[in-house]
Amino acid sequence: MTTTTDSLRWFKSSYSGSGGACVEWAPVHASATGTVPVRDSKRPTGPVLMVTTDAFAGLVALARSAAVIE
């Protein structure tokens, strides 16, 4: 079975709020393959970045530690 990004179930962080600067990821695909698809929530038909689970964990840690600049 071939998986396309159209067939994935995408999730947005509960911390996203309504600001619009959000990313989405597909956790079921990540669990099954060890590769995490990530996309811009404003461009669901746009490009998808595929990263390892370790790289994704690093991105999440960086986002959590970064100060929000408004």
PDB file of N, CA and C in Angstrom:
ATOM      1  N   MET A   1       0.842  -1.184   0.000  1.00  0.00           N
ATOM      2  CA  MET A   1       0.000   0.000   0.000  1.00  0.00           C
ATOM      3  C   MET A   1       0.889   1.250   0.000  1.00  0.00           C
ATOM      4  N   THR A   2       0.615   2.160  -0.888  1.00  0.00           N
ATOM      5  CA  THR A   2       1.360   3.409  -0.973  1.00  0.00           C
ATOM      6  C   THR A   2       0.624   4.480  -0.193  1.00  0.00           C
ATOM      7  N   THR A   3       1.348   5.187   0.648  1.00  0.00           N
ATOM      8  CA  THR A   3       0.761   6.274   1.421  1.00  0.00           C
ATOM      9  C   THR A   3       1.112   7.588   0.753  1.00  0.00           C
ATOM     10  N   THR A   4       0.096   8.393   0.498  1.00  0.00           N
ATOM     11  CA  THR A   4       0.339   9.740   0.003  1.00  0.00           C
ATOM     12  C   THR A   4       0.010  10.707   1.118  1.00  0.00           C
ATOM     13  N   THR A   5       0.492  11.922   0.998  1.00  0.00           N
ATOM     14  CA  THR A   5       0.206  12.904   2.047  1.00  0.00           C
ATOM     15  C   THR A   5      -1.275  13.249   2.075  1.00  0.00           C
ATOM     16  N   ASP A   6      -1.996  13.007   0.976  1.00  0.00           N
ATOM     17  CA  ASP A   6      -3.443  13.254   0.961  1.00  0.00           C
ATOM     18  C   ASP A   6      -4.192  12.268   1.841  1.00  0.00           C
ATOM     19  N   SER A   7      -3.635  11.065   2.020  1.00  0.00           N
ATOM     20  CA  SER A   7      -4.330  10.040   2.792  1.00  0.00           C
ATOM     21  C   SER A   7      -3.980  10.058   4.278  1.00  0.00           C
ATOM     22  N   LEU A   8      -3.110  10.951   4.688  1.00  0.00           N
ATOM     23  CA  LEU A   8      -2.698  11.013   6.090  1.00  0.00           C
ATOM     24  C   LEU A   8      -3.701  11.779   6.936  1.00  0.00           C
ATOM     25  N   ARG A   9      -3.760  11.431   8.205  1.00  0.00           N
ATOM     26  CA  ARG A   9      -4.584  12.176   9.160  1.00  0.00           C
ATOM     27  C   ARG A   9      -3.665  13.159   9.871  1.00  0.00           C
ATOM     28  N   TRP A  10      -3.904  14.442   9.637  1.00  0.00           N
ATOM     29  CA  TRP A  10      -3.032  15.508  10.128  1.00  0.00           C
ATOM     30  C   TRP A  10      -3.556  16.077  11.435  1.00  0.00           C
ATOM     31  N   PHE A  11      -2.627  16.484  12.321  1.00  0.00           N
ATOM     32  CA  PHE A  11      -2.977  17.087  13.605  1.00  0.00           C
ATOM     33  C   PHE A  11      -2.194  18.373  13.811  1.00  0.00           C
ATOM     34  N   LYS A  12      -2.869  19.344  14.397  1.00  0.00           N
ATOM     35  CA  LYS A  12      -2.254  20.622  14.739  1.00  0.00           C
ATOM     36  C   LYS A  12      -2.105  20.677  16.254  1.00  0.00           C
ATOM     37  N   SER A  13      -1.062  21.300  16.726  1.00  0.00           N
ATOM     38  CA  SER A  13      -0.820  21.411  18.153  1.00  0.00           C
ATOM     39  C   SER A  13      -1.969  22.137  18.847  1.00  0.00           C
ATOM     40  N   SER A  14      -2.295  21.685  20.047  1.00  0.00           N
ATOM     41  CA  SER A  14      -3.317  22.368  20.843  1.00  0.00           C
ATOM     42  C   SER A  14      -2.819  23.727  21.313  1.00  0.00           C
ATOM     43  N   TYR A  15      -1.510  23.972  21.206  1.00  0.00           N
ATOM     44  CA  TYR A  15      -0.933  25.259  21.576  1.00  0.00           C
ATOM     45  C   TYR A  15      -1.001  26.276  20.434  1.00  0.00           C
ATOM     46  N   SER A  16      -1.493  25.862  19.294  1.00  0.00           N
ATOM     47  CA  SER A  16      -1.499  26.718  18.115  1.00  0.00           C
ATOM     48  C   SER A  16      -2.378  27.948  18.269  1.00  0.00           C
ATOM     49  N   GLY A  17      -3.496  27.788  18.929  1.00  0.00           N
ATOM     50  CA  GLY A  17      -4.410  28.912  19.071  1.00  0.00           C
ATOM     51  C   GLY A  17      -4.959  29.348  17.737  1.00  0.00           C
ATOM     52  N   SER A  18      -5.212  30.631  17.594  1.00  0.00           N
ATOM     53  CA  SER A  18      -5.790  31.142  16.345  1.00  0.00           C
ATOM     54  C   SER A  18      -4.827  32.054  15.605  1.00  0.00           C
ATOM     55  N   GLY A  19      -3.541  31.991  15.954  1.00  0.00           N
ATOM     56  CA  GLY A  19      -2.552  32.875  15.348  1.00  0.00           C
ATOM     57  C   GLY A  19      -2.245  32.598  13.894  1.00  0.00           C
ATOM     58  N   GLY A  20      -2.465  31.387  13.423  1.00  0.00           N
ATOM     59  CA  GLY A  20      -2.232  31.071  12.030  1.00  0.00           C
ATOM     60  C   GLY A  20      -0.843  30.574  11.700  1.00  0.00           C
ATOM     61  N   ALA A  21       0.130  30.765  12.566  1.00  0.00           N
ATOM     62  CA  ALA A  21       1.496  30.292  12.307  1.00  0.00           C
ATOM     63  C   ALA A  21       1.649  28.897  12.905  1.00  0.00           C
ATOM     64  N   CYS A  22       1.108  27.910  12.217  1.00  0.00           N
ATOM     65  CA  CYS A  22       1.047  26.567  12.780  1.00  0.00           C
ATOM     66  C   CYS A  22       1.623  25.531  11.821  1.00  0.00           C
ATOM     67  N   VAL A  23       2.096  24.454  12.402  1.00  0.00           N
ATOM     68  CA  VAL A  23       2.480  23.302  11.610  1.00  0.00           C
ATOM     69  C   VAL A  23       1.595  22.136  12.012  1.00  0.00           C
ATOM     70  N   GLU A  24       1.459  21.188  11.107  1.00  0.00           N
ATOM     71  CA  GLU A  24       0.696  19.975  11.374  1.00  0.00           C
ATOM     72  C   GLU A  24       1.623  18.788  11.163  1.00  0.00           C
ATOM     73  N   TRP A  25       1.295  17.682  11.813  1.00  0.00           N
ATOM     74  CA  TRP A  25       2.064  16.459  11.645  1.00  0.00           C
ATOM     75  C   TRP A  25       1.112  15.278  11.609  1.00  0.00           C
ATOM     76  N   ALA A  26       1.611  14.144  11.136  1.00  0.00           N
ATOM     77  CA  ALA A  26       0.793  12.943  10.994  1.00  0.00           C
ATOM     78  C   ALA A  26       1.349  11.846  11.903  1.00  0.00           C
ATOM     79  N   PRO A  27       0.861  11.770  13.150  1.00  0.00           N
ATOM     80  CA  PRO A  27       1.444  10.853  14.129  1.00  0.00           C
ATOM     81  C   PRO A  27       1.275   9.371  13.795  1.00  0.00           C
ATOM     82  N   VAL A  28       0.186   8.985  13.148  1.00  0.00           N
ATOM     83  CA  VAL A  28       0.000   7.566  12.817  1.00  0.00           C
ATOM     84  C   VAL A  28       1.079   7.115  11.838  1.00  0.00           C
ATOM     85  N   HIS A  29       1.353   7.942  10.842  1.00  0.00           N
ATOM     86  CA  HIS A  29       2.421   7.624   9.889  1.00  0.00           C
ATOM     87  C   HIS A  29       3.764   7.563  10.610  1.00  0.00           C
ATOM     88  N   ALA A  30       3.986   8.485  11.519  1.00  0.00           N
ATOM     89  CA  ALA A  30       5.245   8.509  12.270  1.00  0.00           C
ATOM     90  C   ALA A  30       5.422   7.234  13.087  1.00  0.00           C
ATOM     91  N   SER A  31       4.369   6.789  13.743  1.00  0.00           N
ATOM     92  CA  SER A  31       4.443   5.565  14.542  1.00  0.00           C
ATOM     93  C   SER A  31       4.709   4.337  13.679  1.00  0.00           C
ATOM     94  N   ALA A  32       4.116   4.318  12.511  1.00  0.00           N
ATOM     95  CA  ALA A  32       4.239   3.151  11.630  1.00  0.00           C
ATOM     96  C   ALA A  32       5.572   3.088  10.895  1.00  0.00           C
ATOM     97  N   THR A  33       6.157   4.255  10.598  1.00  0.00           N
ATOM     98  CA  THR A  33       7.328   4.266   9.723  1.00  0.00           C
ATOM     99  C   THR A  33       8.597   4.844  10.343  1.00  0.00           C
ATOM    100  N   GLY A  34       8.467   5.600  11.429  1.00  0.00           N
ATOM    101  CA  GLY A  34       9.616   6.282  12.010  1.00  0.00           C
ATOM    102  C   GLY A  34       9.969   7.564  11.287  1.00  0.00           C
ATOM    103  N   THR A  35       9.148   7.956  10.331  1.00  0.00           N
ATOM    104  CA  THR A  35       9.328   9.201   9.593  1.00  0.00           C
ATOM    105  C   THR A  35       8.127  10.092   9.846  1.00  0.00           C
ATOM    106  N   VAL A  36       8.379  11.346  10.236  1.00  0.00           N
ATOM    107  CA  VAL A  36       7.302  12.264  10.601  1.00  0.00           C
ATOM    108  C   VAL A  36       7.045  13.257   9.464  1.00  0.00           C
ATOM    109  N   PRO A  37       5.847  13.219   8.870  1.00  0.00           N
ATOM    110  CA  PRO A  37       5.498  14.233   7.887  1.00  0.00           C
ATOM    111  C   PRO A  37       5.065  15.513   8.601  1.00  0.00           C
ATOM    112  N   VAL A  38       5.587  16.648   8.148  1.00  0.00           N
ATOM    113  CA  VAL A  38       5.285  17.951   8.745  1.00  0.00           C
ATOM    114  C   VAL A  38       4.914  18.900   7.612  1.00  0.00           C
ATOM    115  N   ARG A  39       3.846  19.693   7.822  1.00  0.00           N
ATOM    116  CA  ARG A  39       3.440  20.653   6.793  1.00  0.00           C
ATOM    117  C   ARG A  39       2.936  21.942   7.433  1.00  0.00           C
ATOM    118  N   ASP A  40       2.853  22.981   6.623  1.00  0.00           N
ATOM    119  CA  ASP A  40       2.309  24.280   7.024  1.00  0.00           C
ATOM    120  C   ASP A  40       0.790  24.160   7.007  1.00  0.00           C
ATOM    121  N   SER A  41       0.151  24.458   8.128  1.00  0.00           N
ATOM    122  CA  SER A  41      -1.306  24.314   8.201  1.00  0.00           C
ATOM    123  C   SER A  41      -2.046  25.261   7.265  1.00  0.00           C
ATOM    124  N   LYS A  42      -1.398  26.349   6.876  1.00  0.00           N
ATOM    125  CA  LYS A  42      -2.036  27.294   5.955  1.00  0.00           C
ATOM    126  C   LYS A  42      -1.950  26.822   4.508  1.00  0.00           C
ATOM    127  N   ARG A  43      -1.096  25.828   4.235  1.00  0.00           N
ATOM    128  CA  ARG A  43      -0.905  25.317   2.878  1.00  0.00           C
ATOM    129  C   ARG A  43      -1.010  23.796   2.871  1.00  0.00           C
ATOM    130  N   PRO A  44      -2.214  23.266   3.119  1.00  0.00           N
ATOM    131  CA  PRO A  44      -2.348  21.807   3.226  1.00  0.00           C
ATOM    132  C   PRO A  44      -2.008  21.046   1.942  1.00  0.00           C
ATOM    133  N   THR A  45      -2.021  21.702   0.812  1.00  0.00           N
ATOM    134  CA  THR A  45      -1.634  21.034  -0.428  1.00  0.00           C
ATOM    135  C   THR A  45      -0.202  21.379  -0.831  1.00  0.00           C
ATOM    136  N   GLY A  46       0.487  22.114   0.025  1.00  0.00           N
ATOM    137  CA  GLY A  46       1.859  22.519  -0.248  1.00  0.00           C
ATOM    138  C   GLY A  46       2.847  21.411   0.081  1.00  0.00           C
ATOM    139  N   PRO A  47       4.126  21.760   0.117  1.00  0.00           N
ATOM    140  CA  PRO A  47       5.161  20.755   0.368  1.00  0.00           C
ATOM    141  C   PRO A  47       5.087  20.165   1.766  1.00  0.00           C
ATOM    142  N   VAL A  48       5.586  18.946   1.888  1.00  0.00           N
ATOM    143  CA  VAL A  48       5.632  18.228   3.161  1.00  0.00           C
ATOM    144  C   VAL A  48       7.090  17.909   3.465  1.00  0.00           C
ATOM    145  N   LEU A  49       7.507  18.242   4.664  1.00  0.00           N
ATOM    146  CA  LEU A  49       8.852  17.936   5.136  1.00  0.00           C
ATOM    147  C   LEU A  49       8.785  16.592   5.858  1.00  0.00           C
ATOM    148  N   MET A  50       9.647  15.659   5.472  1.00  0.00           N
ATOM    149  CA  MET A  50       9.693  14.347   6.123  1.00  0.00           C
ATOM    150  C   MET A  50      10.965  14.301   6.967  1.00  0.00           C
ATOM    151  N   VAL A  51      10.808  14.112   8.283  1.00  0.00           N
ATOM    152  CA  VAL A  51      11.958  14.072   9.193  1.00  0.00           C
ATOM    153  C   VAL A  51      11.895  12.808  10.044  1.00  0.00           C
ATOM    154  N   THR A  52      13.038  12.438  10.582  1.00  0.00           N
ATOM    155  CA  THR A  52      13.060  11.290  11.485  1.00  0.00           C
ATOM    156  C   THR A  52      12.349  11.657  12.786  1.00  0.00           C
ATOM    157  N   THR A  53      11.982  10.650  13.548  1.00  0.00           N
ATOM    158  CA  THR A  53      11.336  10.928  14.842  1.00  0.00           C
ATOM    159  C   THR A  53      12.280  11.675  15.775  1.00  0.00           C
ATOM    160  N   ASP A  54      13.579  11.363  15.705  1.00  0.00           N
ATOM    161  CA  ASP A  54      14.553  12.084  16.541  1.00  0.00           C
ATOM    162  C   ASP A  54      14.640  13.557  16.137  1.00  0.00           C
ATOM    163  N   ALA A  55      14.646  13.822  14.831  1.00  0.00           N
ATOM    164  CA  ALA A  55      14.701  15.210  14.360  1.00  0.00           C
ATOM    165  C   ALA A  55      13.430  15.958  14.771  1.00  0.00           C
ATOM    166  N   PHE A  56      12.284  15.290  14.692  1.00  0.00           N
ATOM    167  CA  PHE A  56      11.031  15.929  15.078  1.00  0.00           C
ATOM    168  C   PHE A  56      11.033  16.245  16.575  1.00  0.00           C
ATOM    169  N   ALA A  57      11.536  15.318  17.378  1.00  0.00           N
ATOM    170  CA  ALA A  57      11.630  15.559  18.821  1.00  0.00           C
ATOM    171  C   ALA A  57      12.519  16.769  19.096  1.00  0.00           C
ATOM    172  N   GLY A  58      13.590  16.917  18.331  1.00  0.00           N
ATOM    173  CA  GLY A  58      14.462  18.080  18.473  1.00  0.00           C
ATOM    174  C   GLY A  58      13.759  19.371  18.097  1.00  0.00           C
ATOM    175  N   LEU A  59      12.952  19.338  17.041  1.00  0.00           N
ATOM    176  CA  LEU A  59      12.186  20.522  16.642  1.00  0.00           C
ATOM    177  C   LEU A  59      11.185  20.921  17.724  1.00  0.00           C
ATOM    178  N   VAL A  60      10.527  19.932  18.293  1.00  0.00           N
ATOM    179  CA  VAL A  60       9.557  20.209  19.365  1.00  0.00           C
ATOM    180  C   VAL A  60      10.268  20.802  20.578  1.00  0.00           C
ATOM    181  N   ALA A  61      11.412  20.242  20.948  1.00  0.00           N
ATOM    182  CA  ALA A  61      12.166  20.766  22.094  1.00  0.00           C
ATOM    183  C   ALA A  61      12.608  22.198  21.837  1.00  0.00           C
ATOM    184  N   LEU A  62      13.057  22.472  20.629  1.00  0.00           N
ATOM    185  CA  LEU A  62      13.469  23.834  20.279  1.00  0.00           C
ATOM    186  C   LEU A  62      12.290  24.800  20.363  1.00  0.00           C
ATOM    187  N   ALA A  63      11.145  24.390  19.831  1.00  0.00           N
ATOM    188  CA  ALA A  63       9.959  25.250  19.878  1.00  0.00           C
ATOM    189  C   ALA A  63       9.525  25.528  21.309  1.00  0.00           C
ATOM    190  N   ARG A  64       9.601  24.528  22.149  1.00  0.00           N
ATOM    191  CA  ARG A  64       9.200  24.710  23.563  1.00  0.00           C
ATOM    192  C   ARG A  64      10.137  25.650  24.300  1.00  0.00           C
ATOM    193  N   SER A  65      11.418  25.639  23.924  1.00  0.00           N
ATOM    194  CA  SER A  65      12.390  26.461  24.644  1.00  0.00           C
ATOM    195  C   SER A  65      12.524  27.873  24.077  1.00  0.00           C
ATOM    196  N   ALA A  66      12.019  28.098  22.893  1.00  0.00           N
ATOM    197  CA  ALA A  66      12.167  29.400  22.236  1.00  0.00           C
ATOM    198  C   ALA A  66      11.221  30.433  22.856  1.00  0.00           C
ATOM    199  N   ALA A  67      11.698  31.654  22.945  1.00  0.00           N
ATOM    200  CA  ALA A  67      10.852  32.742  23.440  1.00  0.00           C
ATOM    201  C   ALA A  67       9.964  33.218  22.296  1.00  0.00           C
ATOM    202  N   VAL A  68       8.730  33.540  22.599  1.00  0.00           N
ATOM    203  CA  VAL A  68       7.806  34.042  21.599  1.00  0.00           C
ATOM    204  C   VAL A  68       8.056  35.532  21.432  1.00  0.00           C
ATOM    205  N   ILE A  69       8.310  35.935  20.225  1.00  0.00           N
ATOM    206  CA  ILE A  69       8.563  37.352  19.921  1.00  0.00           C
ATOM    207  C   ILE A  69       7.369  37.891  19.150  1.00  0.00           C
ATOM    208  N   GLU A  70       6.731  38.896  19.677  1.00  0.00           N
ATOM    209  CA  GLU A  70       5.575  39.479  18.990  1.00  0.00           C
ATOM    210  C   GLU A  70       5.811  40.913  18.677  1.00  0.00           C
TER     211      GLU A  70
END
